[in-house]
Amino acid sequence: MNNAKIWLVVKPNVGLPFFLGAVTVIAISVHLAVMEYTVWYSAYWNGSAATTEAAAVQTPAIRDLASGQPATIVMPDGRTAQLVYK
């Protein structure tokens, strides 16, 4: 243990509660920051479904599949693939 000699300066019955208290304060402050500064957390806390722009936007391939038509997609390397929903 690197800092084993710290307990010669600070008694464990003082140092351990101080250390655990500091960890608790940090954890609570992180949780409060998430609750205060994020948009999605309040909706999640109230039971709303998560909606993002990516989820809200439907690509033409998804619209085609939803209507029962085959959809063609272009892969990143330029190849095309046809999707059929059965």
N, C-alpha and C. Protein backbone atom coordinates (compact mmCIF):
# COMPACT_ATOMS: atom_id res chain seq x y z
N MET A 1 0.85 -1.16 0.00
CA MET A 1 0.00 0.00 0.00
C MET A 1 0.90 1.24 0.00
N ASN A 2 0.68 2.13 -0.96
CA ASN A 2 1.54 3.30 -1.12
C ASN A 2 1.49 4.23 0.08
N ASN A 3 0.29 4.53 0.53
CA ASN A 3 0.10 5.57 1.53
C ASN A 3 -0.25 4.98 2.89
N ALA A 4 0.36 3.87 3.24
CA ALA A 4 0.06 3.22 4.51
C ALA A 4 0.46 4.08 5.70
N LYS A 5 1.46 4.92 5.53
CA LYS A 5 1.95 5.73 6.66
C LYS A 5 1.04 6.93 6.94
N ILE A 6 0.03 7.17 6.08
CA ILE A 6 -0.89 8.27 6.36
C ILE A 6 -1.61 8.07 7.67
N TRP A 7 -1.84 6.80 8.05
CA TRP A 7 -2.56 6.51 9.29
C TRP A 7 -1.71 6.78 10.53
N LEU A 8 -0.43 7.06 10.33
CA LEU A 8 0.40 7.51 11.44
C LEU A 8 0.16 8.99 11.73
N VAL A 9 -0.33 9.73 10.73
CA VAL A 9 -0.60 11.15 10.89
C VAL A 9 -2.07 11.40 11.19
N VAL A 10 -2.95 10.71 10.44
CA VAL A 10 -4.39 10.86 10.59
C VAL A 10 -4.94 9.56 11.17
N LYS A 11 -5.67 9.66 12.26
CA LYS A 11 -6.24 8.46 12.86
C LYS A 11 -7.33 7.88 11.96
N PRO A 12 -7.43 6.55 11.85
CA PRO A 12 -8.45 5.94 11.00
C PRO A 12 -9.87 6.32 11.40
N ASN A 13 -10.12 6.55 12.70
CA ASN A 13 -11.48 6.89 13.09
C ASN A 13 -11.85 8.32 12.68
N VAL A 14 -10.90 9.10 12.21
CA VAL A 14 -11.16 10.42 11.65
C VAL A 14 -11.04 10.36 10.12
N GLY A 15 -10.03 9.70 9.62
CA GLY A 15 -9.75 9.67 8.18
C GLY A 15 -10.76 8.90 7.37
N LEU A 16 -11.18 7.74 7.86
CA LEU A 16 -12.13 6.94 7.09
C LEU A 16 -13.49 7.62 6.95
N PRO A 17 -14.09 8.14 8.02
CA PRO A 17 -15.36 8.86 7.81
C PRO A 17 -15.21 10.09 6.90
N PHE A 18 -14.07 10.77 6.99
CA PHE A 18 -13.83 11.91 6.11
C PHE A 18 -13.76 11.45 4.66
N PHE A 19 -13.03 10.38 4.39
CA PHE A 19 -12.89 9.84 3.04
C PHE A 19 -14.24 9.37 2.51
N LEU A 20 -14.98 8.59 3.30
CA LEU A 20 -16.28 8.09 2.85
C LEU A 20 -17.28 9.23 2.68
N GLY A 21 -17.19 10.24 3.54
CA GLY A 21 -18.05 11.41 3.38
C GLY A 21 -17.75 12.16 2.09
N ALA A 22 -16.47 12.27 1.75
CA ALA A 22 -16.09 12.95 0.50
C ALA A 22 -16.61 12.17 -0.71
N VAL A 23 -16.51 10.86 -0.67
CA VAL A 23 -17.03 10.03 -1.77
C VAL A 23 -18.53 10.22 -1.90
N THR A 24 -19.23 10.27 -0.77
CA THR A 24 -20.68 10.47 -0.78
C THR A 24 -21.06 11.83 -1.37
N VAL A 25 -20.34 12.87 -0.97
CA VAL A 25 -20.62 14.21 -1.48
C VAL A 25 -20.39 14.26 -2.99
N ILE A 26 -19.33 13.65 -3.47
CA ILE A 26 -19.05 13.62 -4.91
C ILE A 26 -20.15 12.88 -5.66
N ALA A 27 -20.56 11.71 -5.14
CA ALA A 27 -21.59 10.92 -5.81
C ALA A 27 -22.91 11.68 -5.87
N ILE A 28 -23.29 12.32 -4.78
CA ILE A 28 -24.54 13.07 -4.77
C ILE A 28 -24.46 14.27 -5.71
N SER A 29 -23.33 14.94 -5.75
CA SER A 29 -23.20 16.10 -6.64
C SER A 29 -23.26 15.69 -8.11
N VAL A 30 -22.70 14.53 -8.45
CA VAL A 30 -22.79 14.04 -9.82
C VAL A 30 -24.24 13.72 -10.17
N HIS A 31 -24.94 13.06 -9.27
CA HIS A 31 -26.35 12.74 -9.53
C HIS A 31 -27.20 14.01 -9.66
N LEU A 32 -26.97 14.98 -8.81
CA LEU A 32 -27.71 16.23 -8.92
C LEU A 32 -27.40 16.96 -10.22
N ALA A 33 -26.16 16.91 -10.66
CA ALA A 33 -25.78 17.54 -11.92
C ALA A 33 -26.49 16.87 -13.10
N VAL A 34 -26.58 15.55 -13.07
CA VAL A 34 -27.28 14.83 -14.13
C VAL A 34 -28.76 15.22 -14.13
N MET A 35 -29.36 15.27 -12.95
CA MET A 35 -30.78 15.62 -12.86
C MET A 35 -31.03 17.07 -13.27
N GLU A 36 -30.11 17.95 -13.00
CA GLU A 36 -30.30 19.38 -13.25
C GLU A 36 -29.99 19.78 -14.69
N TYR A 37 -28.93 19.24 -15.27
CA TYR A 37 -28.43 19.75 -16.54
C TYR A 37 -28.69 18.88 -17.75
N THR A 38 -29.43 17.80 -17.62
CA THR A 38 -29.76 17.00 -18.79
C THR A 38 -31.23 17.19 -19.14
N VAL A 39 -31.53 17.13 -20.41
CA VAL A 39 -32.90 17.30 -20.88
C VAL A 39 -33.67 16.00 -20.75
N TRP A 40 -33.03 14.89 -21.01
CA TRP A 40 -33.74 13.62 -21.08
C TRP A 40 -34.09 13.06 -19.72
N TYR A 41 -33.37 13.45 -18.66
CA TYR A 41 -33.59 12.80 -17.37
C TYR A 41 -34.93 13.14 -16.75
N SER A 42 -35.37 14.39 -16.88
CA SER A 42 -36.66 14.75 -16.29
C SER A 42 -37.80 14.02 -16.99
N ALA A 43 -37.69 13.84 -18.31
CA ALA A 43 -38.71 13.08 -19.02
C ALA A 43 -38.67 11.62 -18.59
N TYR A 44 -37.49 11.08 -18.42
CA TYR A 44 -37.36 9.69 -17.96
C TYR A 44 -37.93 9.53 -16.55
N TRP A 45 -37.65 10.48 -15.69
CA TRP A 45 -38.11 10.42 -14.31
C TRP A 45 -39.63 10.48 -14.25
N ASN A 46 -40.24 11.23 -15.16
CA ASN A 46 -41.70 11.35 -15.19
C ASN A 46 -42.37 10.23 -15.96
N GLY A 47 -41.60 9.33 -16.54
CA GLY A 47 -42.17 8.16 -17.21
C GLY A 47 -42.41 8.33 -18.68
N SER A 48 -41.91 9.37 -19.29
CA SER A 48 -42.10 9.58 -20.72
C SER A 48 -41.14 8.71 -21.51
N ALA A 49 -41.56 8.35 -22.69
CA ALA A 49 -40.68 7.56 -23.56
C ALA A 49 -39.59 8.47 -24.11
N ALA A 50 -38.43 7.91 -24.31
CA ALA A 50 -37.30 8.67 -24.85
C ALA A 50 -37.53 8.93 -26.32
N THR A 51 -37.38 10.17 -26.73
CA THR A 51 -37.47 10.51 -28.15
C THR A 51 -36.24 11.32 -28.51
N THR A 52 -35.62 10.92 -29.55
CA THR A 52 -34.46 11.67 -30.06
C THR A 52 -34.70 11.97 -31.52
N GLU A 53 -33.92 12.87 -32.04
CA GLU A 53 -34.07 13.18 -33.46
C GLU A 53 -33.82 11.94 -34.32
N ALA A 54 -32.85 11.14 -33.93
CA ALA A 54 -32.53 9.95 -34.71
C ALA A 54 -33.70 8.97 -34.70
N ALA A 55 -34.38 8.84 -33.59
CA ALA A 55 -35.51 7.92 -33.50
C ALA A 55 -36.74 8.51 -34.19
N ALA A 56 -36.87 9.82 -34.18
CA ALA A 56 -38.05 10.45 -34.76
C ALA A 56 -37.99 10.49 -36.29
N VAL A 57 -36.80 10.52 -36.86
CA VAL A 57 -36.66 10.60 -38.31
C VAL A 57 -36.70 9.20 -38.88
N GLN A 58 -37.62 9.00 -39.81
CA GLN A 58 -37.69 7.71 -40.47
C GLN A 58 -37.01 7.82 -41.83
N THR A 59 -36.16 6.87 -42.11
CA THR A 59 -35.50 6.87 -43.41
C THR A 59 -36.46 6.32 -44.45
N PRO A 60 -36.23 6.62 -45.73
CA PRO A 60 -37.11 6.07 -46.77
C PRO A 60 -37.16 4.54 -46.75
N ALA A 61 -36.04 3.90 -46.39
CA ALA A 61 -36.04 2.43 -46.34
C ALA A 61 -37.02 1.92 -45.28
N ILE A 62 -37.08 2.58 -44.13
CA ILE A 62 -37.99 2.15 -43.08
C ILE A 62 -39.43 2.41 -43.50
N ARG A 63 -39.68 3.55 -44.16
CA ARG A 63 -41.04 3.82 -44.63
C ARG A 63 -41.47 2.79 -45.66
N ASP A 64 -40.57 2.41 -46.56
CA ASP A 64 -40.90 1.40 -47.57
C ASP A 64 -41.22 0.07 -46.90
N LEU A 65 -40.41 -0.33 -45.93
CA LEU A 65 -40.66 -1.60 -45.25
C LEU A 65 -41.98 -1.56 -44.49
N ALA A 66 -42.29 -0.43 -43.88
CA ALA A 66 -43.53 -0.32 -43.13
C ALA A 66 -44.74 -0.43 -44.05
N SER A 67 -44.61 0.02 -45.28
CA SER A 67 -45.73 -0.06 -46.22
C SER A 67 -45.77 -1.40 -46.95
N GLY A 68 -44.83 -2.28 -46.68
CA GLY A 68 -44.84 -3.61 -47.29
C GLY A 68 -44.02 -3.72 -48.56
N GLN A 69 -43.38 -2.66 -48.99
CA GLN A 69 -42.58 -2.69 -50.20
C GLN A 69 -41.14 -3.01 -49.85
N PRO A 70 -40.40 -3.66 -50.77
CA PRO A 70 -38.99 -3.88 -50.52
C PRO A 70 -38.23 -2.55 -50.51
N ALA A 71 -37.21 -2.48 -49.70
CA ALA A 71 -36.42 -1.25 -49.58
C ALA A 71 -34.99 -1.53 -50.01
N THR A 72 -34.41 -0.56 -50.70
CA THR A 72 -33.01 -0.66 -51.11
C THR A 72 -32.19 0.31 -50.28
N ILE A 73 -31.10 -0.21 -49.73
CA ILE A 73 -30.20 0.65 -48.97
C ILE A 73 -28.81 0.58 -49.60
N VAL A 74 -28.05 1.64 -49.42
CA VAL A 74 -26.68 1.71 -49.95
C VAL A 74 -25.73 1.56 -48.78
N MET A 75 -24.84 0.59 -48.87
CA MET A 75 -23.85 0.34 -47.83
C MET A 75 -22.74 1.40 -47.91
N PRO A 76 -21.98 1.57 -46.84
CA PRO A 76 -20.90 2.57 -46.85
C PRO A 76 -19.86 2.34 -47.94
N ASP A 77 -19.66 1.09 -48.33
CA ASP A 77 -18.65 0.83 -49.36
C ASP A 77 -19.22 0.94 -50.77
N GLY A 78 -20.50 1.36 -50.93
CA GLY A 78 -21.09 1.57 -52.25
C GLY A 78 -21.98 0.43 -52.71
N ARG A 79 -21.91 -0.73 -52.07
CA ARG A 79 -22.79 -1.83 -52.48
C ARG A 79 -24.23 -1.52 -52.07
N THR A 80 -25.17 -2.10 -52.79
CA THR A 80 -26.57 -1.93 -52.42
C THR A 80 -27.12 -3.24 -51.90
N ALA A 81 -28.10 -3.13 -51.02
CA ALA A 81 -28.76 -4.31 -50.48
C ALA A 81 -30.26 -4.07 -50.48
N GLN A 82 -31.00 -5.14 -50.71
CA GLN A 82 -32.45 -5.02 -50.73
C GLN A 82 -33.01 -5.69 -49.48
N LEU A 83 -33.87 -4.96 -48.78
CA LEU A 83 -34.50 -5.47 -47.57
C LEU A 83 -35.94 -5.78 -47.88
N VAL A 84 -36.38 -6.93 -47.40
CA VAL A 84 -37.77 -7.32 -47.57
C VAL A 84 -38.31 -7.71 -46.21
N TYR A 85 -39.42 -7.12 -45.81
CA TYR A 85 -40.04 -7.44 -44.52
C TYR A 85 -41.06 -8.54 -44.74
N LYS A 86 -40.92 -9.64 -44.03
CA LYS A 86 -41.86 -10.76 -44.17
C LYS A 86 -42.65 -10.94 -42.92
